[in-house]
Amino acid sequence: MGISLENDKKATERKVQEERMKITQPDKRLTMTGRGRKVLTRTRGTKPRNDMDCTSIGGICQRNTYICQGRYLKDKCRGEISRQCCTPAAAWSTLCAGSHHNRVRACDSYGCGGFNSKSDGGIHKGIDIVCGDYGIINAPFSGNLGGPVGRAVGDSVQYDGVKLYNKVHCVKIFNIRPYGYFGSVVQGKAMGYLLPQQENFSGITSHLELQMCDGSDPSPFI
């Protein structure tokens, strides 16, 4: 009888001890704690182990306090957060076939084509690239088409764009009729043509509109 009570007591103590041991799992860390002290800590890797993600796209890993002629990309370099990937300027091809460079639309009677320029609808969160009506539009970089995209025009939504993305960049291109809305495209190859604008906006500088999917400025890449 005494042995049985002793065994029951030990079993109860083990259960109490197990109750005190718990595993907590925050977003990026798996930690086991017991009786108020840390027993095991394991960080799940969210930062790259090397710089390959940066160098494979022609970038250089450096502290973001240094001047970058192009644009900094996060989460491409190993080490501390301030160490980021500096990508070269003008990394994309010319969008309008036949042009030697991507020319930003100047101000006309309908507005201006620069990033953050003011318009009747508010602040312009894209860049207008000059191209003639029905002009061939080339892919600025190799990637995949992600389907049609729309934008607010007055009280309605106008679907006159397409999404293009890869592991580094994501853009929306408007005023374009793509040859397809899905599938892969190659940098510098034709992906569609510019929709005519002179018919509805006489005197406007015909253009395509280029937006980054995250709303940032695409200027460093064009």
C-alpha atoms as a PDB file:
ATOM      1  CA  MET A   1       0.000   0.000   0.000  1.00  0.00           C
ATOM      2  CA  GLY A   2       2.842   2.362   0.872  1.00  0.00           C
ATOM      3  CA  ILE A   3       4.641   1.551  -2.389  1.00  0.00           C
ATOM      4  CA  SER A   4       1.466   2.254  -4.385  1.00  0.00           C
ATOM      5  CA  LEU A   5       0.994   5.652  -2.737  1.00  0.00           C
ATOM      6  CA  GLU A   6       4.655   6.487  -3.368  1.00  0.00           C
ATOM      7  CA  ASN A   7       4.294   5.586  -7.072  1.00  0.00           C
ATOM      8  CA  ASP A   8       1.124   7.690  -7.365  1.00  0.00           C
ATOM      9  CA  LYS A   9       2.938  10.617  -5.762  1.00  0.00           C
ATOM     10  CA  LYS A  10       5.863  10.346  -8.207  1.00  0.00           C
ATOM     11  CA  ALA A  11       3.473  10.100 -11.167  1.00  0.00           C
ATOM     12  CA  THR A  12       1.665  13.225  -9.986  1.00  0.00           C
ATOM     13  CA  GLU A  13       4.952  15.088  -9.622  1.00  0.00           C
ATOM     14  CA  ARG A  14       5.941  14.133 -13.176  1.00  0.00           C
ATOM     15  CA  LYS A  15       2.639  15.441 -14.530  1.00  0.00           C
ATOM     16  CA  VAL A  16       3.073  18.712 -12.655  1.00  0.00           C
ATOM     17  CA  GLN A  17       6.589  19.044 -14.043  1.00  0.00           C
ATOM     18  CA  GLU A  18       5.330  18.384 -17.574  1.00  0.00           C
ATOM     19  CA  GLU A  19       2.640  21.013 -17.086  1.00  0.00           C
ATOM     20  CA  ARG A  20       5.342  23.530 -16.227  1.00  0.00           C
ATOM     21  CA  MET A  21       7.238  22.755 -19.416  1.00  0.00           C
ATOM     22  CA  LYS A  22       5.726  24.482 -22.420  1.00  0.00           C
ATOM     23  CA  ILE A  23       6.705  25.298 -25.955  1.00  0.00           C
ATOM     24  CA  THR A  24       6.046  28.779 -27.285  1.00  0.00           C
ATOM     25  CA  GLN A  25       6.428  29.633 -30.981  1.00  0.00           C
ATOM     26  CA  PRO A  26       6.522  33.313 -31.968  1.00  0.00           C
ATOM     27  CA  ASP A  27       6.756  34.397 -35.595  1.00  0.00           C
ATOM     28  CA  LYS A  28      10.471  33.804 -36.093  1.00  0.00           C
ATOM     29  CA  ARG A  29      11.668  31.937 -32.996  1.00  0.00           C
ATOM     30  CA  LEU A  30      10.958  28.519 -31.477  1.00  0.00           C
ATOM     31  CA  THR A  31      11.651  28.532 -27.708  1.00  0.00           C
ATOM     32  CA  MET A  32      11.153  25.881 -25.015  1.00  0.00           C
ATOM     33  CA  THR A  33      10.928  27.175 -21.465  1.00  0.00           C
ATOM     34  CA  GLY A  34      10.767  25.381 -18.156  1.00  0.00           C
ATOM     35  CA  ARG A  35      10.367  26.753 -14.643  1.00  0.00           C
ATOM     36  CA  GLY A  36      11.149  30.273 -15.810  1.00  0.00           C
ATOM     37  CA  ARG A  37      14.418  29.513 -17.609  1.00  0.00           C
ATOM     38  CA  LYS A  38      15.152  29.100 -21.306  1.00  0.00           C
ATOM     39  CA  VAL A  39      16.016  25.530 -22.283  1.00  0.00           C
ATOM     40  CA  LEU A  40      16.213  25.668 -26.085  1.00  0.00           C
ATOM     41  CA  THR A  41      16.243  28.490 -28.596  1.00  0.00           C
ATOM     42  CA  ARG A  42      16.197  28.088 -32.366  1.00  0.00           C
ATOM     43  CA  THR A  43      15.885  30.968 -34.792  1.00  0.00           C
ATOM     44  CA  ARG A  44      14.221  30.215 -38.070  1.00  0.00           C
ATOM     45  CA  GLY A  45      16.336  31.667 -40.863  1.00  0.00           C
ATOM     46  CA  THR A  46      14.685  34.597 -42.578  1.00  0.00           C
ATOM     47  CA  LYS A  47      17.864  36.276 -43.769  1.00  0.00           C
ATOM     48  CA  PRO A  48      19.912  34.812 -46.631  1.00  0.00           C
ATOM     49  CA  ARG A  49      22.990  32.806 -45.710  1.00  0.00           C
ATOM     50  CA  ASN A  50      24.984  34.388 -48.519  1.00  0.00           C
ATOM     51  CA  ASP A  51      24.825  37.221 -51.064  1.00  0.00           C
ATOM     52  CA  MET A  52      23.793  35.089 -54.054  1.00  0.00           C
ATOM     53  CA  ASP A  53      20.275  36.558 -54.235  1.00  0.00           C
ATOM     54  CA  CYS A  54      21.866  39.972 -54.787  1.00  0.00           C
ATOM     55  CA  THR A  55      24.841  39.129 -56.996  1.00  0.00           C
ATOM     56  CA  SER A  56      22.708  36.934 -59.278  1.00  0.00           C
ATOM     57  CA  ILE A  57      20.770  40.035 -60.382  1.00  0.00           C
ATOM     58  CA  GLY A  58      23.874  42.182 -60.805  1.00  0.00           C
ATOM     59  CA  GLY A  59      23.706  43.883 -57.415  1.00  0.00           C
ATOM     60  CA  ILE A  60      26.274  44.569 -54.706  1.00  0.00           C
ATOM     61  CA  CYS A  61      25.694  44.053 -50.975  1.00  0.00           C
ATOM     62  CA  GLN A  62      26.671  47.070 -48.890  1.00  0.00           C
ATOM     63  CA  ARG A  63      25.465  49.220 -46.011  1.00  0.00           C
ATOM     64  CA  ASN A  64      22.455  51.321 -46.996  1.00  0.00           C
ATOM     65  CA  THR A  65      24.216  54.429 -45.689  1.00  0.00           C
ATOM     66  CA  TYR A  66      26.399  54.337 -48.806  1.00  0.00           C
ATOM     67  CA  ILE A  67      25.272  55.987 -52.042  1.00  0.00           C
ATOM     68  CA  CYS A  68      23.574  53.612 -54.485  1.00  0.00           C
ATOM     69  CA  GLN A  69      23.293  54.784 -58.096  1.00  0.00           C
ATOM     70  CA  GLY A  70      20.348  52.472 -58.612  1.00  0.00           C
ATOM     71  CA  ARG A  71      18.051  51.200 -55.890  1.00  0.00           C
ATOM     72  CA  TYR A  72      18.347  49.271 -52.630  1.00  0.00           C
ATOM     73  CA  LEU A  73      16.509  45.952 -52.246  1.00  0.00           C
ATOM     74  CA  LYS A  74      15.936  44.399 -48.824  1.00  0.00           C
ATOM     75  CA  ASP A  75      16.351  40.748 -47.774  1.00  0.00           C
ATOM     76  CA  LYS A  76      18.891  39.934 -50.487  1.00  0.00           C
ATOM     77  CA  CYS A  77      22.100  40.040 -48.403  1.00  0.00           C
ATOM     78  CA  ARG A  78      23.398  38.108 -45.410  1.00  0.00           C
ATOM     79  CA  GLY A  79      24.203  39.872 -42.172  1.00  0.00           C
ATOM     80  CA  GLU A  80      22.595  42.830 -40.466  1.00  0.00           C
ATOM     81  CA  ILE A  81      19.487  44.605 -41.735  1.00  0.00           C
ATOM     82  CA  SER A  82      21.409  47.715 -42.805  1.00  0.00           C
ATOM     83  CA  ARG A  83      23.336  45.585 -45.318  1.00  0.00           C
ATOM     84  CA  GLN A  84      21.206  45.716 -48.473  1.00  0.00           C
ATOM     85  CA  CYS A  85      21.473  44.964 -52.175  1.00  0.00           C
ATOM     86  CA  CYS A  86      22.366  47.922 -54.403  1.00  0.00           C
ATOM     87  CA  THR A  87      21.058  47.230 -57.904  1.00  0.00           C
ATOM     88  CA  PRO A  88      22.403  49.114 -60.933  1.00  0.00           C
ATOM     89  CA  ALA A  89      20.509  52.013 -62.467  1.00  0.00           C
ATOM     90  CA  ALA A  90      18.695  51.602 -65.790  1.00  0.00           C
ATOM     91  CA  ALA A  91      18.471  47.866 -65.257  1.00  0.00           C
ATOM     92  CA  TRP A  92      15.427  47.521 -67.536  1.00  0.00           C
ATOM     93  CA  SER A  93      15.144  47.544 -71.300  1.00  0.00           C
ATOM     94  CA  THR A  94      13.412  50.283 -73.290  1.00  0.00           C
ATOM     95  CA  LEU A  95       9.670  49.713 -73.211  1.00  0.00           C
ATOM     96  CA  CYS A  96       8.677  51.493 -76.425  1.00  0.00           C
ATOM     97  CA  ALA A  97      10.146  49.691 -79.431  1.00  0.00           C
ATOM     98  CA  GLY A  98      12.288  51.947 -81.617  1.00  0.00           C
ATOM     99  CA  SER A  99      13.204  54.319 -78.784  1.00  0.00           C
ATOM    100  CA  HIS A 100      16.788  54.601 -77.580  1.00  0.00           C
ATOM    101  CA  HIS A 101      15.756  55.234 -73.979  1.00  0.00           C
ATOM    102  CA  ASN A 102      12.674  55.430 -71.768  1.00  0.00           C
ATOM    103  CA  ARG A 103      11.536  59.043 -72.109  1.00  0.00           C
ATOM    104  CA  VAL A 104       9.263  60.317 -69.345  1.00  0.00           C
ATOM    105  CA  ARG A 105       6.251  62.281 -70.545  1.00  0.00           C
ATOM    106  CA  ALA A 106       6.611  66.013 -69.959  1.00  0.00           C
ATOM    107  CA  CYS A 107       3.714  68.206 -68.856  1.00  0.00           C
ATOM    108  CA  ASP A 108       0.942  68.826 -71.376  1.00  0.00           C
ATOM    109  CA  SER A 109      -2.612  70.144 -71.154  1.00  0.00           C
ATOM    110  CA  TYR A 110      -3.696  66.865 -69.522  1.00  0.00           C
ATOM    111  CA  GLY A 111      -1.041  66.696 -66.820  1.00  0.00           C
ATOM    112  CA  CYS A 112       2.523  65.524 -66.163  1.00  0.00           C
ATOM    113  CA  GLY A 113       4.074  62.089 -66.359  1.00  0.00           C
ATOM    114  CA  GLY A 114       6.588  62.190 -63.516  1.00  0.00           C
ATOM    115  CA  PHE A 115       6.325  60.153 -60.345  1.00  0.00           C
ATOM    116  CA  ASN A 116       4.377  61.954 -57.582  1.00  0.00           C
ATOM    117  CA  SER A 117       3.277  64.696 -59.984  1.00  0.00           C
ATOM    118  CA  LYS A 118      -0.095  66.275 -59.251  1.00  0.00           C
ATOM    119  CA  SER A 119      -3.142  65.576 -61.388  1.00  0.00           C
ATOM    120  CA  ASP A 120      -6.889  66.114 -61.203  1.00  0.00           C
ATOM    121  CA  GLY A 121      -7.255  62.687 -59.628  1.00  0.00           C
ATOM    122  CA  GLY A 122      -4.599  63.296 -56.969  1.00  0.00           C
ATOM    123  CA  ILE A 123      -0.940  62.271 -56.866  1.00  0.00           C
ATOM    124  CA  HIS A 124       0.438  60.288 -59.797  1.00  0.00           C
ATOM    125  CA  LYS A 125       1.993  57.112 -58.336  1.00  0.00           C
ATOM    126  CA  GLY A 126       3.584  55.961 -61.569  1.00  0.00           C
ATOM    127  CA  ILE A 127       5.672  57.125 -64.505  1.00  0.00           C
ATOM    128  CA  ASP A 128       4.412  57.825 -68.026  1.00  0.00           C
ATOM    129  CA  ILE A 129       6.727  56.536 -70.757  1.00  0.00           C
ATOM    130  CA  VAL A 130       6.317  58.239 -74.143  1.00  0.00           C
ATOM    131  CA  CYS A 131       5.252  55.983 -77.004  1.00  0.00           C
ATOM    132  CA  GLY A 132       3.163  56.527 -80.140  1.00  0.00           C
ATOM    133  CA  ASP A 133      -0.363  55.188 -80.587  1.00  0.00           C
ATOM    134  CA  TYR A 134      -0.287  51.472 -81.502  1.00  0.00           C
ATOM    135  CA  GLY A 135       3.469  51.423 -80.796  1.00  0.00           C
ATOM    136  CA  ILE A 136       4.983  48.047 -79.894  1.00  0.00           C
ATOM    137  CA  ILE A 137       5.693  47.619 -76.180  1.00  0.00           C
ATOM    138  CA  ASN A 138       8.639  45.467 -75.129  1.00  0.00           C
ATOM    139  CA  ALA A 139       9.026  43.684 -71.798  1.00  0.00           C
ATOM    140  CA  PRO A 140      11.292  45.760 -69.512  1.00  0.00           C
ATOM    141  CA  PHE A 141      12.567  42.589 -67.823  1.00  0.00           C
ATOM    142  CA  SER A 142      12.096  38.841 -68.091  1.00  0.00           C
ATOM    143  CA  GLY A 143       9.316  37.422 -65.949  1.00  0.00           C
ATOM    144  CA  ASN A 144       5.741  36.206 -65.868  1.00  0.00           C
ATOM    145  CA  LEU A 145       2.472  37.904 -66.729  1.00  0.00           C
ATOM    146  CA  GLY A 146       0.055  37.933 -63.814  1.00  0.00           C
ATOM    147  CA  GLY A 147      -3.214  38.779 -65.552  1.00  0.00           C
ATOM    148  CA  PRO A 148      -5.124  41.983 -66.322  1.00  0.00           C
ATOM    149  CA  VAL A 149      -5.068  44.895 -63.879  1.00  0.00           C
ATOM    150  CA  GLY A 150      -7.399  47.858 -63.603  1.00  0.00           C
ATOM    151  CA  ARG A 151      -7.405  51.382 -62.231  1.00  0.00           C
ATOM    152  CA  ALA A 152     -10.044  53.873 -61.211  1.00  0.00           C
ATOM    153  CA  VAL A 153     -11.202  56.163 -64.014  1.00  0.00           C
ATOM    154  CA  GLY A 154     -13.935  58.439 -62.735  1.00  0.00           C
ATOM    155  CA  ASP A 155     -16.575  56.290 -61.057  1.00  0.00           C
ATOM    156  CA  SER A 156     -15.588  53.094 -62.838  1.00  0.00           C
ATOM    157  CA  VAL A 157     -12.627  50.731 -63.101  1.00  0.00           C
ATOM    158  CA  GLN A 158     -10.824  50.537 -66.424  1.00  0.00           C
ATOM    159  CA  TYR A 159      -8.977  47.295 -67.170  1.00  0.00           C
ATOM    160  CA  ASP A 160      -6.347  48.437 -69.641  1.00  0.00           C
ATOM    161  CA  GLY A 161      -3.225  47.031 -68.029  1.00  0.00           C
ATOM    162  CA  VAL A 162      -1.259  43.888 -67.286  1.00  0.00           C
ATOM    163  CA  LYS A 163       0.888  42.762 -64.369  1.00  0.00           C
ATOM    164  CA  LEU A 164       4.501  41.662 -64.946  1.00  0.00           C
ATOM    165  CA  TYR A 165       6.664  40.192 -62.193  1.00  0.00           C
ATOM    166  CA  ASN A 166       9.694  38.076 -61.341  1.00  0.00           C
ATOM    167  CA  LYS A 167      11.519  37.281 -58.083  1.00  0.00           C
ATOM    168  CA  VAL A 168      12.878  40.848 -57.870  1.00  0.00           C
ATOM    169  CA  HIS A 169      10.458  43.225 -59.603  1.00  0.00           C
ATOM    170  CA  CYS A 170       6.714  43.618 -59.932  1.00  0.00           C
ATOM    171  CA  VAL A 171       5.088  46.247 -62.171  1.00  0.00           C
ATOM    172  CA  LYS A 172       1.737  47.170 -63.657  1.00  0.00           C
ATOM    173  CA  ILE A 173       1.732  48.520 -67.213  1.00  0.00           C
ATOM    174  CA  PHE A 174      -1.318  50.512 -68.335  1.00  0.00           C
ATOM    175  CA  ASN A 175      -2.570  51.872 -71.682  1.00  0.00           C
ATOM    176  CA  ILE A 176      -1.484  48.601 -73.269  1.00  0.00           C
ATOM    177  CA  ARG A 177      -3.135  45.746 -75.117  1.00  0.00           C
ATOM    178  CA  PRO A 178      -0.927  42.738 -74.335  1.00  0.00           C
ATOM    179  CA  TYR A 179      -0.643  39.790 -76.692  1.00  0.00           C
ATOM    180  CA  GLY A 180      -1.446  37.618 -73.688  1.00  0.00           C
ATOM    181  CA  TYR A 181      -2.304  38.049 -70.015  1.00  0.00           C
ATOM    182  CA  PHE A 182      -0.525  34.992 -68.684  1.00  0.00           C
ATOM    183  CA  GLY A 183       2.692  33.123 -69.364  1.00  0.00           C
ATOM    184  CA  SER A 184       6.352  34.099 -69.484  1.00  0.00           C
ATOM    185  CA  VAL A 185       7.971  36.974 -71.380  1.00  0.00           C
ATOM    186  CA  VAL A 186      11.588  37.726 -72.261  1.00  0.00           C
ATOM    187  CA  GLN A 187      13.279  41.070 -71.629  1.00  0.00           C
ATOM    188  CA  GLY A 188      13.303  43.247 -74.751  1.00  0.00           C
ATOM    189  CA  LYS A 189      10.737  41.129 -76.619  1.00  0.00           C
ATOM    190  CA  ALA A 190       7.343  42.442 -77.764  1.00  0.00           C
ATOM    191  CA  MET A 191       4.550  41.883 -75.263  1.00  0.00           C
ATOM    192  CA  GLY A 192       1.792  44.081 -76.717  1.00  0.00           C
ATOM    193  CA  TYR A 193       0.974  47.468 -78.246  1.00  0.00           C
ATOM    194  CA  LEU A 194      -0.044  50.892 -76.967  1.00  0.00           C
ATOM    195  CA  LEU A 195      -3.736  51.690 -76.970  1.00  0.00           C
ATOM    196  CA  PRO A 196      -4.566  54.843 -78.995  1.00  0.00           C
ATOM    197  CA  GLN A 197      -5.090  57.997 -76.952  1.00  0.00           C
ATOM    198  CA  GLN A 198      -5.347  60.793 -79.511  1.00  0.00           C
ATOM    199  CA  GLU A 199      -8.882  59.745 -80.413  1.00  0.00           C
ATOM    200  CA  ASN A 200     -10.163  60.575 -76.930  1.00  0.00           C
ATOM    201  CA  PHE A 201      -7.499  63.024 -75.707  1.00  0.00           C
ATOM    202  CA  SER A 202      -6.497  65.168 -78.646  1.00  0.00           C
ATOM    203  CA  GLY A 203      -3.068  66.729 -78.170  1.00  0.00           C
ATOM    204  CA  ILE A 204      -1.988  64.514 -75.282  1.00  0.00           C
ATOM    205  CA  THR A 205       1.495  63.008 -75.387  1.00  0.00           C
ATOM    206  CA  SER A 206       0.711  59.346 -76.061  1.00  0.00           C
ATOM    207  CA  HIS A 207       2.237  57.151 -73.394  1.00  0.00           C
ATOM    208  CA  LEU A 208       2.083  54.004 -71.334  1.00  0.00           C
ATOM    209  CA  GLU A 209       1.845  54.217 -67.557  1.00  0.00           C
ATOM    210  CA  LEU A 210       4.274  52.215 -65.443  1.00  0.00           C
ATOM    211  CA  GLN A 211       3.590  51.522 -61.775  1.00  0.00           C
ATOM    212  CA  MET A 212       5.467  49.454 -59.210  1.00  0.00           C
ATOM    213  CA  CYS A 213       3.192  46.966 -57.466  1.00  0.00           C
ATOM    214  CA  ASP A 214       4.278  48.319 -54.068  1.00  0.00           C
ATOM    215  CA  GLY A 215       3.675  51.949 -55.066  1.00  0.00           C
ATOM    216  CA  SER A 216       7.360  52.907 -55.026  1.00  0.00           C
ATOM    217  CA  ASP A 217       9.189  54.998 -57.628  1.00  0.00           C
ATOM    218  CA  PRO A 218      10.300  53.034 -60.737  1.00  0.00           C
ATOM    219  CA  SER A 219      12.636  55.842 -61.883  1.00  0.00           C
ATOM    220  CA  PRO A 220      15.914  54.116 -60.859  1.00  0.00           C
ATOM    221  CA  PHE A 221      15.189  51.185 -63.170  1.00  0.00           C
ATOM    222  CA  ILE A 222      14.240  52.967 -66.372  1.00  0.00           C
END
